[in-house]
C-alpha atoms as a PDB file:
ATOM      1  CA  MET A   1     109.481 107.073  87.548  1.00  0.00           C
ATOM      2  CA  HIS A   2     106.061 108.402  88.241  1.00  0.00           C
ATOM      3  CA  GLU A   3     105.343 109.173  92.146  1.00  0.00           C
ATOM      4  CA  VAL A   4     101.605 109.725  93.087  1.00  0.00           C
ATOM      5  CA  LEU A   5     100.983 110.419  96.838  1.00  0.00           C
ATOM      6  CA  VAL A   6      97.818 108.651  98.482  1.00  0.00           C
ATOM      7  CA  ASP A   7      97.108 111.264 100.595  1.00  0.00           C
ATOM      8  CA  LEU A   8      95.544 109.932 104.120  1.00  0.00           C
ATOM      9  CA  GLY A   9      97.671 112.045 107.094  1.00  0.00           C
ATOM     10  CA  GLU A  10      99.925 110.130 108.757  1.00  0.00           C
ATOM     11  CA  ARG A  11      98.954 106.918 106.739  1.00  0.00           C
ATOM     12  CA  SER A  12      99.861 108.087 103.601  1.00  0.00           C
ATOM     13  CA  TYR A  13     102.030 106.328 101.071  1.00  0.00           C
ATOM     14  CA  PRO A  14     103.888 106.950  98.046  1.00  0.00           C
ATOM     15  CA  VAL A  15     102.987 104.348  94.586  1.00  0.00           C
ATOM     16  CA  LEU A  16     106.159 104.409  92.383  1.00  0.00           C
ATOM     17  CA  VAL A  17     105.176 103.829  88.588  1.00  0.00           C
ATOM     18  CA  GLY A  18     106.877 102.826  86.084  1.00  0.00           C
ATOM     19  CA  PRO A  19     110.354 100.331  84.403  1.00  0.00           C
ATOM     20  CA  GLY A  20     112.134  98.927  87.319  1.00  0.00           C
ATOM     21  CA  ALA A  21     109.984 100.281  90.474  1.00  0.00           C
ATOM     22  CA  ARG A  22     110.443  97.213  92.091  1.00  0.00           C
ATOM     23  CA  HIS A  23     114.203  97.466  92.789  1.00  0.00           C
ATOM     24  CA  ARG A  24     112.972 100.589  94.549  1.00  0.00           C
ATOM     25  CA  LEU A  25     112.024  98.318  97.460  1.00  0.00           C
ATOM     26  CA  LEU A  26     114.642  98.589  99.863  1.00  0.00           C
ATOM     27  CA  GLU A  27     113.292 102.557  99.948  1.00  0.00           C
ATOM     28  CA  VAL A  28     110.039 101.974 101.381  1.00  0.00           C
ATOM     29  CA  LEU A  29     110.257  99.588 103.604  1.00  0.00           C
ATOM     30  CA  PRO A  30     108.943 100.184 107.010  1.00  0.00           C
ATOM     31  CA  ILE A  31     111.812 101.737 109.142  1.00  0.00           C
ATOM     32  CA  GLY A  32     113.362  98.616 111.712  1.00  0.00           C
ATOM     33  CA  ALA A  33     112.206  95.672 109.735  1.00  0.00           C
ATOM     34  CA  ARG A  34     113.998  92.999 110.151  1.00  0.00           C
ATOM     35  CA  LYS A  35     111.757  90.154 108.183  1.00  0.00           C
ATOM     36  CA  ALA A  36     109.753  90.868 104.716  1.00  0.00           C
ATOM     37  CA  ALA A  37     107.784  87.507 104.217  1.00  0.00           C
ATOM     38  CA  ILE A  38     107.440  87.516 100.261  1.00  0.00           C
ATOM     39  CA  VAL A  39     103.798  86.083  99.638  1.00  0.00           C
ATOM     40  CA  SER A  40     103.300  85.157  95.230  1.00  0.00           C
ATOM     41  CA  GLN A  41     102.656  82.116  92.982  1.00  0.00           C
ATOM     42  CA  ASP A  42     104.595  79.851  90.892  1.00  0.00           C
ATOM     43  CA  THR A  43     103.571  81.797  87.630  1.00  0.00           C
ATOM     44  CA  ILE A  44     104.549  84.647  88.537  1.00  0.00           C
ATOM     45  CA  PRO A  45     108.131  85.315  86.800  1.00  0.00           C
ATOM     46  CA  VAL A  46     109.418  88.349  89.274  1.00  0.00           C
ATOM     47  CA  THR A  47     111.544  88.497  92.146  1.00  0.00           C
ATOM     48  CA  VAL A  48     112.512  90.886  94.561  1.00  0.00           C
ATOM     49  CA  ASP A  49     114.865  91.853  96.890  1.00  0.00           C
ATOM     50  CA  ALA A  50     114.289  93.583  99.990  1.00  0.00           C
ATOM     51  CA  GLY A  51     117.803  93.831 101.365  1.00  0.00           C
ATOM     52  CA  ILE A  52     116.982  92.331 104.418  1.00  0.00           C
ATOM     53  CA  GLU A  53     116.218  88.524 105.843  1.00  0.00           C
ATOM     54  CA  GLN A  54     113.113  87.119 103.456  1.00  0.00           C
ATOM     55  CA  ALA A  55     110.977  84.085 102.982  1.00  0.00           C
ATOM     56  CA  LEU A  56     109.025  82.990 100.221  1.00  0.00           C
ATOM     57  CA  PHE A  57     105.101  81.950 100.446  1.00  0.00           C
ATOM     58  CA  PRO A  58     103.350  80.621  97.832  1.00  0.00           C
ATOM     59  CA  LEU A  59      99.765  80.983  97.033  1.00  0.00           C
ATOM     60  CA  ASP A  60      98.052  78.475  95.103  1.00  0.00           C
ATOM     61  CA  ASP A  61      97.500  79.645  91.349  1.00  0.00           C
ATOM     62  CA  GLY A  62      93.545  80.634  90.302  1.00  0.00           C
ATOM     63  CA  GLU A  63      91.026  82.607  92.084  1.00  0.00           C
ATOM     64  CA  GLU A  64      90.133  79.943  93.926  1.00  0.00           C
ATOM     65  CA  ALA A  65      93.454  80.898  96.262  1.00  0.00           C
ATOM     66  CA  LYS A  66      91.810  83.857  97.444  1.00  0.00           C
ATOM     67  CA  CYS A  67      89.968  81.968 100.105  1.00  0.00           C
ATOM     68  CA  VAL A  68      89.979  82.028 103.714  1.00  0.00           C
ATOM     69  CA  GLU A  69      92.108  78.975 103.746  1.00  0.00           C
ATOM     70  CA  SER A  70      94.596  80.839 102.573  1.00  0.00           C
ATOM     71  CA  VAL A  71      94.946  83.785 104.947  1.00  0.00           C
ATOM     72  CA  GLU A  72      94.787  80.589 107.599  1.00  0.00           C
ATOM     73  CA  GLU A  73      97.741  78.854 105.721  1.00  0.00           C
ATOM     74  CA  LEU A  74      99.447  82.586 105.318  1.00  0.00           C
ATOM     75  CA  CYS A  75      99.359  83.537 109.009  1.00  0.00           C
ATOM     76  CA  ARG A  76     100.128  79.978 110.641  1.00  0.00           C
ATOM     77  CA  ALA A  77     102.946  80.016 108.401  1.00  0.00           C
ATOM     78  CA  TRP A  78     104.076  83.456 109.000  1.00  0.00           C
ATOM     79  CA  THR A  79     104.185  82.082 112.911  1.00  0.00           C
ATOM     80  CA  ARG A  80     106.225  79.353 112.276  1.00  0.00           C
ATOM     81  CA  TRP A  81     108.854  81.412 110.816  1.00  0.00           C
ATOM     82  CA  GLY A  82     108.545  83.791 113.315  1.00  0.00           C
ATOM     83  CA  LEU A  83     107.419  87.331 111.767  1.00  0.00           C
ATOM     84  CA  THR A  84     106.688  89.899 114.244  1.00  0.00           C
ATOM     85  CA  ARG A  85     104.227  92.550 114.303  1.00  0.00           C
ATOM     86  CA  ALA A  86     107.337  94.954 113.460  1.00  0.00           C
ATOM     87  CA  ASP A  87     108.257  93.066 110.423  1.00  0.00           C
ATOM     88  CA  VAL A  88     106.972  93.807 106.749  1.00  0.00           C
ATOM     89  CA  VAL A  89     104.214  91.332 104.127  1.00  0.00           C
ATOM     90  CA  VAL A  90     105.833  92.118 100.266  1.00  0.00           C
ATOM     91  CA  ALA A  91     102.226  90.910  98.349  1.00  0.00           C
ATOM     92  CA  VAL A  92     104.285  90.079  94.752  1.00  0.00           C
ATOM     93  CA  GLY A  93     101.519  89.642  91.848  1.00  0.00           C
ATOM     94  CA  GLY A  94      98.120  90.170  90.788  1.00  0.00           C
ATOM     95  CA  GLY A  95      94.749  91.108  92.872  1.00  0.00           C
ATOM     96  CA  VAL A  96      94.289  87.200  93.572  1.00  0.00           C
ATOM     97  CA  VAL A  97      98.109  87.882  95.609  1.00  0.00           C
ATOM     98  CA  THR A  98      97.591  91.640  96.548  1.00  0.00           C
ATOM     99  CA  ASP A  99      93.542  90.949  98.444  1.00  0.00           C
ATOM    100  CA  THR A 100      94.657  87.870  99.829  1.00  0.00           C
ATOM    101  CA  ALA A 101      98.158  88.504 101.247  1.00  0.00           C
ATOM    102  CA  GLY A 102      96.743  92.220 101.781  1.00  0.00           C
ATOM    103  CA  PHE A 103      94.026  90.673 104.199  1.00  0.00           C
ATOM    104  CA  ALA A 104      96.169  88.290 105.494  1.00  0.00           C
ATOM    105  CA  ALA A 105      98.715  91.175 107.112  1.00  0.00           C
ATOM    106  CA  ALA A 106      95.654  93.448 108.114  1.00  0.00           C
ATOM    107  CA  VAL A 107      94.904  90.477 110.805  1.00  0.00           C
ATOM    108  CA  TYR A 108      98.332  89.015 111.094  1.00  0.00           C
ATOM    109  CA  HIS A 109      98.992  90.380 115.306  1.00  0.00           C
ATOM    110  CA  ARG A 110      96.057  92.814 114.816  1.00  0.00           C
ATOM    111  CA  GLY A 111      97.848  94.313 111.433  1.00  0.00           C
ATOM    112  CA  VAL A 112     101.378  94.124 110.638  1.00  0.00           C
ATOM    113  CA  ALA A 113     102.741  96.281 107.691  1.00  0.00           C
ATOM    114  CA  VAL A 114     102.581  95.473 103.603  1.00  0.00           C
ATOM    115  CA  ILE A 115     104.084  96.628 100.648  1.00  0.00           C
ATOM    116  CA  HIS A 116     102.152  95.500  96.957  1.00  0.00           C
ATOM    117  CA  VAL A 117     104.533  95.001  93.894  1.00  0.00           C
ATOM    118  CA  PRO A 118     101.581  94.506  91.199  1.00  0.00           C
ATOM    119  CA  THR A 119     102.723  92.500  88.212  1.00  0.00           C
ATOM    120  CA  THR A 120      99.684  92.638  86.326  1.00  0.00           C
ATOM    121  CA  LEU A 121      97.911  95.992  84.656  1.00  0.00           C
ATOM    122  CA  LEU A 122      94.654  94.867  86.685  1.00  0.00           C
ATOM    123  CA  GLY A 123      96.595  94.812  89.814  1.00  0.00           C
ATOM    124  CA  GLN A 124      98.779  98.512  88.632  1.00  0.00           C
ATOM    125  CA  VAL A 125      95.542 100.379  87.834  1.00  0.00           C
ATOM    126  CA  ASP A 126      92.862  99.145  90.591  1.00  0.00           C
ATOM    127  CA  ALA A 127      93.952  95.946  92.922  1.00  0.00           C
ATOM    128  CA  ALA A 128      96.933  97.385  94.391  1.00  0.00           C
ATOM    129  CA  ILE A 129      95.735 101.102  95.147  1.00  0.00           C
ATOM    130  CA  GLY A 130      93.208 101.931  98.315  1.00  0.00           C
ATOM    131  CA  GLY A 131      93.682  99.166 101.190  1.00  0.00           C
ATOM    132  CA  LYS A 132      90.471  97.310  99.942  1.00  0.00           C
ATOM    133  CA  THR A 133      91.762  93.612 101.191  1.00  0.00           C
ATOM    134  CA  GLY A 134      89.985  90.706 100.542  1.00  0.00           C
ATOM    135  CA  VAL A 135      88.934  87.345  99.554  1.00  0.00           C
ATOM    136  CA  ASN A 136      86.071  85.482  98.030  1.00  0.00           C
ATOM    137  CA  LEU A 137      82.954  83.246  99.753  1.00  0.00           C
ATOM    138  CA  PRO A 138      81.634  80.519  98.079  1.00  0.00           C
ATOM    139  CA  GLU A 139      78.513  83.153  97.776  1.00  0.00           C
ATOM    140  CA  GLY A 140      80.236  85.868  96.543  1.00  0.00           C
ATOM    141  CA  LYS A 141      83.421  88.166  95.948  1.00  0.00           C
ATOM    142  CA  ASN A 142      85.102  89.822  98.063  1.00  0.00           C
ATOM    143  CA  LEU A 143      82.673  89.102 100.958  1.00  0.00           C
ATOM    144  CA  VAL A 144      85.642  89.091 103.917  1.00  0.00           C
ATOM    145  CA  GLY A 145      88.055  91.763 103.920  1.00  0.00           C
ATOM    146  CA  ALA A 146      89.422  94.551 105.939  1.00  0.00           C
ATOM    147  CA  PHE A 147      90.566  98.340 104.554  1.00  0.00           C
ATOM    148  CA  TRP A 148      94.188  97.875 105.214  1.00  0.00           C
ATOM    149  CA  GLN A 149      96.233 100.527 103.853  1.00  0.00           C
ATOM    150  CA  PRO A 150      99.879  99.352 102.206  1.00  0.00           C
ATOM    151  CA  SER A 151     102.907 101.139 103.099  1.00  0.00           C
ATOM    152  CA  ALA A 152     104.027 101.539  99.561  1.00  0.00           C
ATOM    153  CA  VAL A 153     102.673 100.338  96.144  1.00  0.00           C
ATOM    154  CA  LEU A 154     105.499  99.855  93.297  1.00  0.00           C
ATOM    155  CA  CYS A 155     104.238  99.219  90.045  1.00  0.00           C
ATOM    156  CA  ASP A 156     107.055  98.088  87.971  1.00  0.00           C
ATOM    157  CA  THR A 157     105.525  98.519  84.123  1.00  0.00           C
ATOM    158  CA  GLU A 158     108.122  95.963  82.640  1.00  0.00           C
ATOM    159  CA  THR A 159     106.329  92.957  84.638  1.00  0.00           C
ATOM    160  CA  LEU A 160     103.552  93.855  82.388  1.00  0.00           C
ATOM    161  CA  LEU A 161     105.543  93.133  79.619  1.00  0.00           C
ATOM    162  CA  THR A 162     105.467  88.962  79.786  1.00  0.00           C
ATOM    163  CA  LEU A 163     101.868  89.423  80.302  1.00  0.00           C
ATOM    164  CA  PRO A 164      99.901  87.475  78.611  1.00  0.00           C
ATOM    165  CA  PRO A 165      97.504  88.702  76.098  1.00  0.00           C
ATOM    166  CA  ARG A 166      94.339  87.827  77.633  1.00  0.00           C
ATOM    167  CA  GLU A 167      95.869  88.579  81.088  1.00  0.00           C
ATOM    168  CA  TYR A 168      96.906  91.948  79.632  1.00  0.00           C
ATOM    169  CA  ARG A 169      93.670  92.721  77.753  1.00  0.00           C
ATOM    170  CA  SER A 170      91.831  91.955  81.396  1.00  0.00           C
ATOM    171  CA  GLY A 171      93.819  94.783  82.899  1.00  0.00           C
ATOM    172  CA  LEU A 172      92.079  96.640  80.088  1.00  0.00           C
ATOM    173  CA  GLY A 173      89.283  95.686  81.195  1.00  0.00           C
ATOM    174  CA  GLU A 174      89.757  97.419  84.509  1.00  0.00           C
ATOM    175  CA  MET A 175      91.309 100.313  83.609  1.00  0.00           C
ATOM    176  CA  ALA A 176      88.560 101.268  80.830  1.00  0.00           C
ATOM    177  CA  LYS A 177      86.147 102.628  83.771  1.00  0.00           C
ATOM    178  CA  TYR A 178      88.929 105.437  84.376  1.00  0.00           C
ATOM    179  CA  ALA A 179      87.540 107.139  80.884  1.00  0.00           C
ATOM    180  CA  PHE A 180      84.294 107.085  82.546  1.00  0.00           C
ATOM    181  CA  LEU A 181      85.808 108.735  86.047  1.00  0.00           C
ATOM    182  CA  GLY A 182      87.591 111.599  85.035  1.00  0.00           C
ATOM    183  CA  VAL A 183      90.846 110.350  83.321  1.00  0.00           C
ATOM    184  CA  ASP A 184      90.857 112.153  79.590  1.00  0.00           C
ATOM    185  CA  ASP A 185      92.427 111.141  76.879  1.00  0.00           C
ATOM    186  CA  LEU A 186      93.005 108.028  78.619  1.00  0.00           C
ATOM    187  CA  PRO A 187      93.213 105.752  75.116  1.00  0.00           C
ATOM    188  CA  ASP A 188      95.806 108.256  73.789  1.00  0.00           C
ATOM    189  CA  LEU A 189      97.791 107.963  76.965  1.00  0.00           C
ATOM    190  CA  ALA A 190     101.881 105.832  76.826  1.00  0.00           C
ATOM    191  CA  LEU A 191     101.491 102.592  79.102  1.00  0.00           C
ATOM    192  CA  ASP A 192     103.011 104.717  81.944  1.00  0.00           C
ATOM    193  CA  ASP A 193     101.108 107.630  82.047  1.00  0.00           C
ATOM    194  CA  ALA A 194      98.179 105.504  81.161  1.00  0.00           C
ATOM    195  CA  VAL A 195      98.556 103.814  84.438  1.00  0.00           C
ATOM    196  CA  ALA A 196      99.838 106.986  86.843  1.00  0.00           C
ATOM    197  CA  ALA A 197      96.994 108.359  85.691  1.00  0.00           C
ATOM    198  CA  CYS A 198      94.469 105.817  86.991  1.00  0.00           C
ATOM    199  CA  VAL A 199      96.538 105.877  90.281  1.00  0.00           C
ATOM    200  CA  ALA A 200      95.995 109.169  90.807  1.00  0.00           C
ATOM    201  CA  CYS A 201      92.461 109.415  90.260  1.00  0.00           C
ATOM    202  CA  LYS A 202      92.124 106.283  92.060  1.00  0.00           C
ATOM    203  CA  ALA A 203      94.675 108.207  95.146  1.00  0.00           C
ATOM    204  CA  ARG A 204      92.189 111.125  94.728  1.00  0.00           C
ATOM    205  CA  VAL A 205      89.085 109.416  95.095  1.00  0.00           C
ATOM    206  CA  VAL A 206      90.222 107.003  98.446  1.00  0.00           C
ATOM    207  CA  GLY A 207      91.555 110.221 100.069  1.00  0.00           C
ATOM    208  CA  ALA A 208      88.429 112.181  99.862  1.00  0.00           C
ATOM    209  CA  ASP A 209      86.668 108.859 101.082  1.00  0.00           C
ATOM    210  CA  GLU A 210      88.540 105.807 102.505  1.00  0.00           C
ATOM    211  CA  ARG A 211      85.938 103.638 103.466  1.00  0.00           C
ATOM    212  CA  GLU A 212      83.005 104.801 100.986  1.00  0.00           C
ATOM    213  CA  ALA A 213      81.609 106.238 104.628  1.00  0.00           C
ATOM    214  CA  THR A 214      82.325 110.211 104.125  1.00  0.00           C
ATOM    215  CA  SER A 215      80.650 110.928 100.787  1.00  0.00           C
ATOM    216  CA  GLY A 216      80.053 107.204  99.326  1.00  0.00           C
ATOM    217  CA  ARG A 217      82.593 108.658  96.496  1.00  0.00           C
ATOM    218  CA  ARG A 218      84.613 105.356  96.357  1.00  0.00           C
ATOM    219  CA  ALA A 219      81.768 103.445  95.376  1.00  0.00           C
ATOM    220  CA  LEU A 220      81.779 104.747  92.129  1.00  0.00           C
ATOM    221  CA  LEU A 221      85.095 102.765  91.753  1.00  0.00           C
ATOM    222  CA  ASN A 222      82.933  99.872  91.734  1.00  0.00           C
ATOM    223  CA  TYR A 223      81.733 101.594  87.947  1.00  0.00           C
ATOM    224  CA  GLY A 224      80.643  97.859  86.117  1.00  0.00           C
ATOM    225  CA  HIS A 225      81.419  95.604  88.712  1.00  0.00           C
ATOM    226  CA  THR A 226      78.088  94.636  90.670  1.00  0.00           C
ATOM    227  CA  LEU A 227      77.239  92.624  87.561  1.00  0.00           C
ATOM    228  CA  ALA A 228      81.539  91.313  87.161  1.00  0.00           C
ATOM    229  CA  HIS A 229      81.393  90.213  89.878  1.00  0.00           C
ATOM    230  CA  ALA A 230      77.999  88.306  89.650  1.00  0.00           C
ATOM    231  CA  LEU A 231      79.681  87.116  85.976  1.00  0.00           C
ATOM    232  CA  GLU A 232      82.752  85.571  88.173  1.00  0.00           C
ATOM    233  CA  THR A 233      81.012  84.410  91.346  1.00  0.00           C
ATOM    234  CA  VAL A 234      78.211  81.969  89.128  1.00  0.00           C
ATOM    235  CA  GLY A 235      81.570  81.286  87.583  1.00  0.00           C
ATOM    236  CA  ARG A 236      80.579  78.578  84.630  1.00  0.00           C
ATOM    237  CA  TYR A 237      82.190  81.649  81.926  1.00  0.00           C
ATOM    238  CA  ASP A 238      85.847  81.074  81.788  1.00  0.00           C
ATOM    239  CA  LEU A 239      85.374  85.401  81.871  1.00  0.00           C
ATOM    240  CA  ARG A 240      88.831  87.445  83.668  1.00  0.00           C
ATOM    241  CA  HIS A 241      87.946  89.837  85.711  1.00  0.00           C
ATOM    242  CA  GLY A 242      88.902  92.623  83.066  1.00  0.00           C
ATOM    243  CA  GLU A 243      86.509  91.069  81.236  1.00  0.00           C
ATOM    244  CA  ALA A 244      83.425  90.865  83.249  1.00  0.00           C
ATOM    245  CA  VAL A 245      84.201  94.438  83.957  1.00  0.00           C
ATOM    246  CA  ALA A 246      83.974  95.786  80.538  1.00  0.00           C
ATOM    247  CA  ILE A 247      80.473  93.829  79.819  1.00  0.00           C
ATOM    248  CA  GLY A 248      79.498  95.557  83.482  1.00  0.00           C
ATOM    249  CA  LEU A 249      80.939  98.842  82.077  1.00  0.00           C
ATOM    250  CA  ALA A 250      78.144  97.807  78.821  1.00  0.00           C
ATOM    251  CA  PHE A 251      75.500  96.734  80.975  1.00  0.00           C
ATOM    252  CA  ALA A 252      75.289  99.910  83.515  1.00  0.00           C
ATOM    253  CA  ALA A 253      75.378 102.320  80.540  1.00  0.00           C
ATOM    254  CA  GLU A 254      72.353  99.863  78.830  1.00  0.00           C
ATOM    255  CA  LEU A 255      70.838 100.611  82.426  1.00  0.00           C
ATOM    256  CA  ALA A 256      70.820 103.964  82.521  1.00  0.00           C
ATOM    257  CA  ARG A 257      69.481 104.446  79.762  1.00  0.00           C
ATOM    258  CA  ARG A 258      66.807 102.247  79.909  1.00  0.00           C
ATOM    259  CA  LEU A 259      66.203 104.608  83.176  1.00  0.00           C
ATOM    260  CA  GLY A 260      66.673 107.421  81.297  1.00  0.00           C
ATOM    261  CA  ARG A 261      69.854 109.154  82.898  1.00  0.00           C
ATOM    262  CA  ILE A 262      71.406 109.034  79.487  1.00  0.00           C
ATOM    263  CA  ASP A 263      71.576 109.050  76.116  1.00  0.00           C
ATOM    264  CA  THR A 264      72.266 107.162  73.308  1.00  0.00           C
ATOM    265  CA  ARG A 265      75.487 109.409  72.239  1.00  0.00           C
ATOM    266  CA  ARG A 266      76.796 108.468  76.244  1.00  0.00           C
ATOM    267  CA  VAL A 267      75.587 105.055  75.549  1.00  0.00           C
ATOM    268  CA  ASP A 268      77.604 104.944  72.191  1.00  0.00           C
ATOM    269  CA  GLU A 269      81.072 106.520  74.431  1.00  0.00           C
ATOM    270  CA  HIS A 270      80.969 103.720  76.514  1.00  0.00           C
ATOM    271  CA  TYR A 271      80.934 101.272  73.290  1.00  0.00           C
ATOM    272  CA  ALA A 272      83.553 103.134  71.272  1.00  0.00           C
ATOM    273  CA  VAL A 273      85.719 102.796  74.823  1.00  0.00           C
ATOM    274  CA  LEU A 274      85.278  98.841  75.542  1.00  0.00           C
ATOM    275  CA  SER A 275      85.813  98.351  71.547  1.00  0.00           C
ATOM    276  CA  GLY A 276      88.854 100.552  71.557  1.00  0.00           C
ATOM    277  CA  TYR A 277      90.240  98.295  74.059  1.00  0.00           C
ATOM    278  CA  ASN A 278      89.136  95.492  72.343  1.00  0.00           C
ATOM    279  CA  LEU A 279      87.102  94.161  75.053  1.00  0.00           C
ATOM    280  CA  PRO A 280      83.602  92.063  75.097  1.00  0.00           C
ATOM    281  CA  VAL A 281      80.577  93.904  75.860  1.00  0.00           C
ATOM    282  CA  ALA A 282      78.098  90.756  75.012  1.00  0.00           C
ATOM    283  CA  LEU A 283      76.699  88.386  78.316  1.00  0.00           C
ATOM    284  CA  PRO A 284      77.783  84.993  76.958  1.00  0.00           C
ATOM    285  CA  PRO A 285      75.074  83.036  75.739  1.00  0.00           C
ATOM    286  CA  ASP A 286      74.081  80.695  78.366  1.00  0.00           C
ATOM    287  CA  THR A 287      74.040  83.358  81.174  1.00  0.00           C
ATOM    288  CA  ASP A 288      70.933  82.543  83.477  1.00  0.00           C
ATOM    289  CA  ALA A 289      69.523  85.729  84.675  1.00  0.00           C
ATOM    290  CA  ASP A 290      67.734  84.588  87.535  1.00  0.00           C
ATOM    291  CA  GLU A 291      70.656  83.583  88.821  1.00  0.00           C
ATOM    292  CA  VAL A 292      72.977  86.683  87.991  1.00  0.00           C
ATOM    293  CA  ILE A 293      70.211  88.915  89.681  1.00  0.00           C
ATOM    294  CA  THR A 294      70.269  86.571  92.899  1.00  0.00           C
ATOM    295  CA  VAL A 295      74.385  87.224  93.427  1.00  0.00           C
ATOM    296  CA  MET A 296      73.742  90.892  92.663  1.00  0.00           C
ATOM    297  CA  ALA A 297      71.294  91.398  95.037  1.00  0.00           C
ATOM    298  CA  ARG A 298      74.021  90.511  97.735  1.00  0.00           C
ATOM    299  CA  ASP A 299      76.389  92.730  96.626  1.00  0.00           C
ATOM    300  CA  LYS A 300      77.834  94.962  99.436  1.00  0.00           C
ATOM    301  CA  LYS A 301      76.106  98.273  97.985  1.00  0.00           C
ATOM    302  CA  ALA A 302      72.958  96.413  98.099  1.00  0.00           C
ATOM    303  CA  THR A 303      71.231  97.582 101.140  1.00  0.00           C
ATOM    304  CA  SER A 304      68.046  98.654  99.335  1.00  0.00           C
ATOM    305  CA  GLY A 305      67.232  96.217  96.763  1.00  0.00           C
ATOM    306  CA  LEU A 306      69.329  96.126  93.810  1.00  0.00           C
ATOM    307  CA  THR A 307      71.919  98.664  93.396  1.00  0.00           C
ATOM    308  CA  PHE A 308      74.319 100.131  90.726  1.00  0.00           C
ATOM    309  CA  VAL A 309      76.885 102.727  89.874  1.00  0.00           C
ATOM    310  CA  LEU A 310      75.306 104.394  87.015  1.00  0.00           C
ATOM    311  CA  ASP A 311      76.048 107.218  84.349  1.00  0.00           C
ATOM    312  CA  GLY A 312      73.507 110.296  84.396  1.00  0.00           C
ATOM    313  CA  PRO A 313      73.381 114.357  83.677  1.00  0.00           C
ATOM    314  CA  THR A 314      75.765 115.125  86.518  1.00  0.00           C
ATOM    315  CA  GLY A 315      78.217 111.786  86.244  1.00  0.00           C
ATOM    316  CA  LEU A 316      78.727 108.725  88.302  1.00  0.00           C
ATOM    317  CA  GLU A 317      76.637 107.715  91.003  1.00  0.00           C
ATOM    318  CA  VAL A 318      75.320 104.928  93.221  1.00  0.00           C
ATOM    319  CA  VAL A 319      71.182 104.132  92.611  1.00  0.00           C
ATOM    320  CA  ALA A 320      69.644 102.077  94.919  1.00  0.00           C
ATOM    321  CA  GLY A 321      66.210 100.553  94.814  1.00  0.00           C
ATOM    322  CA  VAL A 322      66.577  99.784  90.880  1.00  0.00           C
ATOM    323  CA  ALA A 323      63.481  97.618  89.582  1.00  0.00           C
ATOM    324  CA  GLU A 324      64.293  94.154  88.887  1.00  0.00           C
ATOM    325  CA  GLU A 325      62.325  94.578  85.421  1.00  0.00           C
ATOM    326  CA  ALA A 326      64.428  97.048  83.965  1.00  0.00           C
ATOM    327  CA  VAL A 327      67.363  95.029  84.743  1.00  0.00           C
ATOM    328  CA  ARG A 328      65.871  91.516  82.963  1.00  0.00           C
ATOM    329  CA  ASP A 329      65.368  94.004  79.939  1.00  0.00           C
ATOM    330  CA  VAL A 330      68.853  94.930  79.964  1.00  0.00           C
ATOM    331  CA  LEU A 331      70.323  91.425  80.644  1.00  0.00           C
ATOM    332  CA  ASP A 332      68.371  90.213  77.725  1.00  0.00           C
ATOM    333  CA  MET A 333      69.397  93.179  75.644  1.00  0.00           C
ATOM    334  CA  VAL A 334      73.122  93.010  76.127  1.00  0.00           C
ATOM    335  CA  GLN A 335      73.076  88.981  76.238  1.00  0.00           C
ATOM    336  CA  ALA A 336      71.774  89.508  72.269  1.00  0.00           C
ATOM    337  CA  ARG A 337      74.553  92.132  71.242  1.00  0.00           C
END
């Protein structure tokens, strides 16, 4: 069992990675908690035992459940059940569950403890770590949310064995970005080691810049996500999040080359990682550039024009004010691949 510490001083918490990690839930419950509100979805074949009084609060299936209405429904149901701020929420599922339940926990009674039990590869390497919670609006992804760190995260790699192949591949899309964030030899690592390495990488970034307010380093975790979120928001392309991120990574590499920041060899390294994971690299053929650019301009990082995390001579950095002409050229190039 790997144990990674997200170091945030008095708010530090452990991330356990390995087979059977979910069975360690009782060990990480907040002291004094008497009730555990389990948030999950009917399609998730994973159960947990908190060892205290617990009740299940199901979310609807699909990305549509990640909305403000779900947060209201959870909070009202918790109130009727008698959940107090001394109790705990346990989110069991993928990013939709951990993001939505985490945000509900952040605002319920102005904050109740939450433990994440991510059951997807995407959730284990990224979504459940670091305290970003939130829900979508029709205008964009994750536009309403809060920073609310969990008390612990239990990444049980046994739960990955039953994932549908496409869902697992989606997780590989999120994992792929860590190859450019400093995780060496990522494709060669065994699964448990790869998940733990990604968690450790994210933990270092979060520990250094919890709210993207000091060095801006945490924004680098959104590599490939500006286009990815736009594609998901436009929503007609039947893309999983990790698939959209993979396309976003290819786009970001091509855009960095278009701006003279990296050379062809570095672009080829991106394609090698993505193809090694059998991930898509081309835009859906009917992508509307105008629509996608409009949504990208609403990205949370975009305070000074079109803004992207891009590779460069000294590594990844946030680049603002990217010319729309360059973005359109690269969208055309990636769509034609």
